[in-house]
């Protein structure tokens, strides 16, 4: 069933487990995520991000994701992640996404606050959940790599002000995490996660989940993270599945699809079990 994230994350926060958000830029990814969630009777969040739109447009993603979510026998939120422009977030709303992240984290604090507060007013009137970001989660490489990531860590006191003034439903935090492949094992600031949770009282979101250790995930969830974003691990698994299929003699795309889906399902199974959301639907 298609739901927004608010009640889903509130339950996760109360019962202290995490819910995976998996970007699904094609039908095979969507099937791997939602079918596995159904098998494990777990709530799940699927969607795409603005940076991924060159792979598949927002309209095309909505055409397959929303019907699959609606027919699922577990709660599924369809989330537009890292929306960088007001216009694209509005497009996601019109297409039926049940949750949006309006990422204004590179703007000034006041601009971030004002823009996100406006998005909250619009989305809440439509029954749609809003995620904001405070501090800034950079990339592990490329143009988005931060020179000194700790300069952009989320401040708990500022987070409390931001949440109170915007009314966001969930907050993405910068605590040593980054997008993409980690070149070295990350060191998450767990005490900062606790402080932000205590200051804000709302579900926290950890971006850049691919590459963190199992212990990192467990401790982050224990301290208040309720939504964990995964893409790189899923994307790499799909490629590995195709390579396995080719090695085993699959001679067509139809023959490769089962390998691709099963490899990605294994990642989703692992994450759902690790986050503790299996059996929670």
Foldseek 3Di string as FASTA:
>chain_A
DEAACQVVLVVCQVVLFAAEEEEDLDLLLLCLQLVLCLVLVFEYEYEHEPVCCVSPHRLRRLVRNVVVQVPGPHYYAYEYEAQADPVVVVVNVVSPHQEYEHEPQVPDLVVQLVVLLVVCVVNVVVNHAYEYEAFDAFAQDDPRDDPDSVVRFHDQQSLLVSCVRRVHQEYETRFFAHADEHPDATDGPLVRLLSNCVSHVHAYEYERQPHHDLVVLSSSSNSHHHYYYDYNQLVVQLVVLQVVQVVVPQDDPVSSSVSSSVSSSVVSNVVCVSRVRRPVD
